[in-house]
């Protein structure tokens, strides 16, 4: 019976850890979304250029990517303990979806960073102040 009690304790501990990692992922995404929303409101009041929102999108994308990584980690942890074929197939589907989301988020972040590097700081309305001469 000690083996059963040990196994039950282990499964409960893993379940608790999975919930903590899931909560961390949710918290990261929530904090990122709230920060982006507040910055969006502040920037929206002062600037009307779409480029002014690029840093907000980059920051939100970083939070989303990190939060999704935590969510994937919790799924892996959950499946690592006595997985069934159904558990493994569900993890594969979830991992594929989250990996695709992360891929597209990372690609968008890279593109946004490239635009900032190419066109200068989005906070500057004057191209000369951004370090670039205007193009004709």
C-alpha atoms as a PDB file:
ATOM      1  CA  UNK A   1       0.000   0.000   0.000  1.00  0.00           C
ATOM      2  CA  UNK A   2       2.948   2.345   0.530  1.00  0.00           C
ATOM      3  CA  UNK A   3       3.653   2.207  -3.191  1.00  0.00           C
ATOM      4  CA  UNK A   4       0.090   3.327  -3.937  1.00  0.00           C
ATOM      5  CA  UNK A   5       0.316   6.137  -1.393  1.00  0.00           C
ATOM      6  CA  UNK A   6       3.657   7.264  -2.810  1.00  0.00           C
ATOM      7  CA  UNK A   7       2.271   7.197  -6.348  1.00  0.00           C
ATOM      8  CA  UNK A   8      -0.823   9.135  -5.297  1.00  0.00           C
ATOM      9  CA  UNK A   9       1.340  11.735  -3.533  1.00  0.00           C
ATOM     10  CA  UNK A  10       3.562  12.007  -6.605  1.00  0.00           C
ATOM     11  CA  UNK A  11       0.587  12.490  -8.945  1.00  0.00           C
ATOM     12  CA  UNK A  12      -0.859  15.144  -6.636  1.00  0.00           C
ATOM     13  CA  UNK A  13       2.493  16.952  -6.506  1.00  0.00           C
ATOM     14  CA  UNK A  14       2.803  16.895 -10.308  1.00  0.00           C
ATOM     15  CA  UNK A  15      -0.772  18.164 -10.646  1.00  0.00           C
ATOM     16  CA  UNK A  16       0.014  21.038  -8.287  1.00  0.00           C
ATOM     17  CA  UNK A  17       3.185  21.907 -10.201  1.00  0.00           C
ATOM     18  CA  UNK A  18       1.291  21.799 -13.508  1.00  0.00           C
ATOM     19  CA  UNK A  19      -1.305  24.209 -12.109  1.00  0.00           C
ATOM     20  CA  UNK A  20       1.427  26.564 -10.872  1.00  0.00           C
ATOM     21  CA  UNK A  21       3.134  26.603 -14.285  1.00  0.00           C
ATOM     22  CA  UNK A  22      -0.243  27.086 -16.031  1.00  0.00           C
ATOM     23  CA  UNK A  23      -1.060  29.950 -13.686  1.00  0.00           C
ATOM     24  CA  UNK A  24       2.335  31.521 -14.371  1.00  0.00           C
ATOM     25  CA  UNK A  25       1.650  31.374 -18.115  1.00  0.00           C
ATOM     26  CA  UNK A  26      -1.793  32.891 -17.699  1.00  0.00           C
ATOM     27  CA  UNK A  27      -0.418  35.595 -15.415  1.00  0.00           C
ATOM     28  CA  UNK A  28       2.343  36.464 -17.880  1.00  0.00           C
ATOM     29  CA  UNK A  29      -0.157  36.802 -20.727  1.00  0.00           C
ATOM     30  CA  UNK A  30      -2.555  38.818 -18.575  1.00  0.00           C
ATOM     31  CA  UNK A  31       0.140  41.215 -17.336  1.00  0.00           C
ATOM     32  CA  UNK A  32       1.433  41.673 -20.877  1.00  0.00           C
ATOM     33  CA  UNK A  33      -2.057  42.357 -22.202  1.00  0.00           C
ATOM     34  CA  UNK A  34      -2.809  44.879 -19.458  1.00  0.00           C
ATOM     35  CA  UNK A  35       0.509  46.692 -19.940  1.00  0.00           C
ATOM     36  CA  UNK A  36      -0.049  46.801 -23.688  1.00  0.00           C
ATOM     37  CA  UNK A  37      -3.585  48.080 -23.196  1.00  0.00           C
ATOM     38  CA  UNK A  38      -2.483  50.892 -20.878  1.00  0.00           C
ATOM     39  CA  UNK A  39       0.350  51.853 -23.222  1.00  0.00           C
ATOM     40  CA  UNK A  40      -2.082  51.682 -26.147  1.00  0.00           C
ATOM     41  CA  UNK A  41      -4.411  54.135 -24.418  1.00  0.00           C
ATOM     42  CA  UNK A  42      -1.576  56.510 -23.531  1.00  0.00           C
ATOM     43  CA  UNK A  43       0.014  56.405 -26.977  1.00  0.00           C
ATOM     44  CA  UNK A  44      -3.391  56.636 -28.641  1.00  0.00           C
ATOM     45  CA  UNK A  45      -4.118  59.883 -26.841  1.00  0.00           C
ATOM     46  CA  UNK A  46      -0.878  61.535 -27.949  1.00  0.00           C
ATOM     47  CA  UNK A  47       0.019  59.976 -31.293  1.00  0.00           C
ATOM     48  CA  UNK A  48      -2.097  59.175 -34.319  1.00  0.00           C
ATOM     49  CA  UNK A  49       0.595  57.387 -36.339  1.00  0.00           C
ATOM     50  CA  UNK A  50       0.395  53.651 -36.652  1.00  0.00           C
ATOM     51  CA  UNK A  51       4.183  53.385 -36.207  1.00  0.00           C
ATOM     52  CA  UNK A  52       3.776  54.681 -32.649  1.00  0.00           C
ATOM     53  CA  UNK A  53       2.102  51.380 -31.764  1.00  0.00           C
ATOM     54  CA  UNK A  54       4.927  49.144 -32.981  1.00  0.00           C
ATOM     55  CA  UNK A  55       6.780  49.020 -29.625  1.00  0.00           C
ATOM     56  CA  UNK A  56       3.514  48.123 -27.899  1.00  0.00           C
ATOM     57  CA  UNK A  57       2.959  45.246 -30.301  1.00  0.00           C
ATOM     58  CA  UNK A  58       6.534  44.055 -29.817  1.00  0.00           C
ATOM     59  CA  UNK A  59       6.172  44.060 -26.049  1.00  0.00           C
ATOM     60  CA  UNK A  60       2.813  42.286 -26.174  1.00  0.00           C
ATOM     61  CA  UNK A  61       4.254  39.721 -28.576  1.00  0.00           C
ATOM     62  CA  UNK A  62       7.094  38.975 -26.171  1.00  0.00           C
ATOM     63  CA  UNK A  63       4.635  38.443 -23.309  1.00  0.00           C
ATOM     64  CA  UNK A  64       2.441  36.207 -25.473  1.00  0.00           C
ATOM     65  CA  UNK A  65       5.402  34.133 -26.602  1.00  0.00           C
ATOM     66  CA  UNK A  66       6.660  33.667 -23.059  1.00  0.00           C
ATOM     67  CA  UNK A  67       3.182  32.865 -21.735  1.00  0.00           C
ATOM     68  CA  UNK A  68       2.634  30.289 -24.470  1.00  0.00           C
ATOM     69  CA  UNK A  69       5.959  28.676 -23.608  1.00  0.00           C
ATOM     70  CA  UNK A  70       4.803  28.300 -19.993  1.00  0.00           C
ATOM     71  CA  UNK A  71       1.511  26.801 -21.176  1.00  0.00           C
ATOM     72  CA  UNK A  72       3.351  24.307 -23.359  1.00  0.00           C
ATOM     73  CA  UNK A  73       5.619  23.435 -20.429  1.00  0.00           C
ATOM     74  CA  UNK A  74       2.585  22.688 -18.263  1.00  0.00           C
ATOM     75  CA  UNK A  75       1.141  20.448 -20.991  1.00  0.00           C
ATOM     76  CA  UNK A  76       4.412  18.561 -21.248  1.00  0.00           C
ATOM     77  CA  UNK A  77       4.550  18.168 -17.461  1.00  0.00           C
ATOM     78  CA  UNK A  78       0.976  16.874 -17.365  1.00  0.00           C
ATOM     79  CA  UNK A  79       1.644  14.328 -20.109  1.00  0.00           C
ATOM     80  CA  UNK A  80       4.983  13.162 -18.692  1.00  0.00           C
ATOM     81  CA  UNK A  81       3.294  11.214 -15.909  1.00  0.00           C
ATOM     82  CA  UNK A  82       1.825   7.916 -17.143  1.00  0.00           C
ATOM     83  CA  UNK A  83       0.731   9.170 -20.544  1.00  0.00           C
ATOM     84  CA  UNK A  84      -1.848   7.341 -22.600  1.00  0.00           C
ATOM     85  CA  UNK A  85      -1.937   7.356 -26.373  1.00  0.00           C
ATOM     86  CA  UNK A  86      -4.795   9.874 -26.204  1.00  0.00           C
ATOM     87  CA  UNK A  87      -2.722  12.118 -23.878  1.00  0.00           C
ATOM     88  CA  UNK A  88       0.223  11.995 -26.244  1.00  0.00           C
ATOM     89  CA  UNK A  89      -1.911  12.780 -29.302  1.00  0.00           C
ATOM     90  CA  UNK A  90      -3.579  15.694 -27.484  1.00  0.00           C
ATOM     91  CA  UNK A  91      -0.161  17.013 -26.439  1.00  0.00           C
ATOM     92  CA  UNK A  92       1.083  16.709 -30.013  1.00  0.00           C
ATOM     93  CA  UNK A  93      -1.915  18.703 -31.281  1.00  0.00           C
ATOM     94  CA  UNK A  94      -1.586  21.368 -28.587  1.00  0.00           C
ATOM     95  CA  UNK A  95       2.181  21.565 -29.048  1.00  0.00           C
ATOM     96  CA  UNK A  96       1.751  21.951 -32.817  1.00  0.00           C
ATOM     97  CA  UNK A  97      -0.789  24.748 -32.385  1.00  0.00           C
ATOM     98  CA  UNK A  98       1.280  26.577 -29.775  1.00  0.00           C
ATOM     99  CA  UNK A  99       4.462  26.102 -31.763  1.00  0.00           C
ATOM    100  CA  UNK A 100       2.759  27.548 -34.844  1.00  0.00           C
ATOM    101  CA  UNK A 101       1.503  30.498 -32.794  1.00  0.00           C
ATOM    102  CA  UNK A 102       4.994  31.075 -31.418  1.00  0.00           C
ATOM    103  CA  UNK A 103       6.500  30.806 -34.904  1.00  0.00           C
ATOM    104  CA  UNK A 104       4.169  33.425 -36.360  1.00  0.00           C
ATOM    105  CA  UNK A 105       4.555  35.689 -33.318  1.00  0.00           C
ATOM    106  CA  UNK A 106       8.344  35.447 -33.552  1.00  0.00           C
ATOM    107  CA  UNK A 107       8.231  36.178 -37.286  1.00  0.00           C
ATOM    108  CA  UNK A 108       6.050  39.213 -36.713  1.00  0.00           C
ATOM    109  CA  UNK A 109       8.312  40.446 -33.915  1.00  0.00           C
ATOM    110  CA  UNK A 110      11.339  40.065 -36.182  1.00  0.00           C
ATOM    111  CA  UNK A 111       9.598  42.009 -38.929  1.00  0.00           C
ATOM    112  CA  UNK A 112       8.601  44.778 -36.520  1.00  0.00           C
ATOM    113  CA  UNK A 113      12.173  45.017 -35.193  1.00  0.00           C
ATOM    114  CA  UNK A 114      13.452  45.213 -38.761  1.00  0.00           C
ATOM    115  CA  UNK A 115      11.032  48.059 -39.510  1.00  0.00           C
ATOM    116  CA  UNK A 116      12.183  49.946 -36.424  1.00  0.00           C
ATOM    117  CA  UNK A 117      15.825  49.455 -37.423  1.00  0.00           C
ATOM    118  CA  UNK A 118      15.113  50.525 -40.992  1.00  0.00           C
ATOM    119  CA  UNK A 119      12.879  53.506 -40.332  1.00  0.00           C
ATOM    120  CA  UNK A 120      14.135  54.584 -36.927  1.00  0.00           C
ATOM    121  CA  UNK A 121      12.268  55.027 -33.700  1.00  0.00           C
ATOM    122  CA  UNK A 122       8.499  54.992 -34.180  1.00  0.00           C
ATOM    123  CA  UNK A 123       8.215  57.656 -31.499  1.00  0.00           C
ATOM    124  CA  UNK A 124       9.751  60.261 -33.742  1.00  0.00           C
ATOM    125  CA  UNK A 125       7.384  62.011 -36.131  1.00  0.00           C
ATOM    126  CA  UNK A 126      10.243  63.697 -38.023  1.00  0.00           C
ATOM    127  CA  UNK A 127      12.268  61.269 -40.200  1.00  0.00           C
ATOM    128  CA  UNK A 128      15.412  63.366 -39.681  1.00  0.00           C
ATOM    129  CA  UNK A 129      15.108  63.031 -35.901  1.00  0.00           C
ATOM    130  CA  UNK A 130      14.711  59.284 -36.306  1.00  0.00           C
ATOM    131  CA  UNK A 131      18.138  59.161 -37.925  1.00  0.00           C
ATOM    132  CA  UNK A 132      16.913  58.637 -41.489  1.00  0.00           C
ATOM    133  CA  UNK A 133      16.587  61.024 -44.348  1.00  0.00           C
ATOM    134  CA  UNK A 134      13.152  61.176 -45.962  1.00  0.00           C
ATOM    135  CA  UNK A 135      12.823  59.158 -49.116  1.00  0.00           C
ATOM    136  CA  UNK A 136      11.274  60.589 -52.261  1.00  0.00           C
END
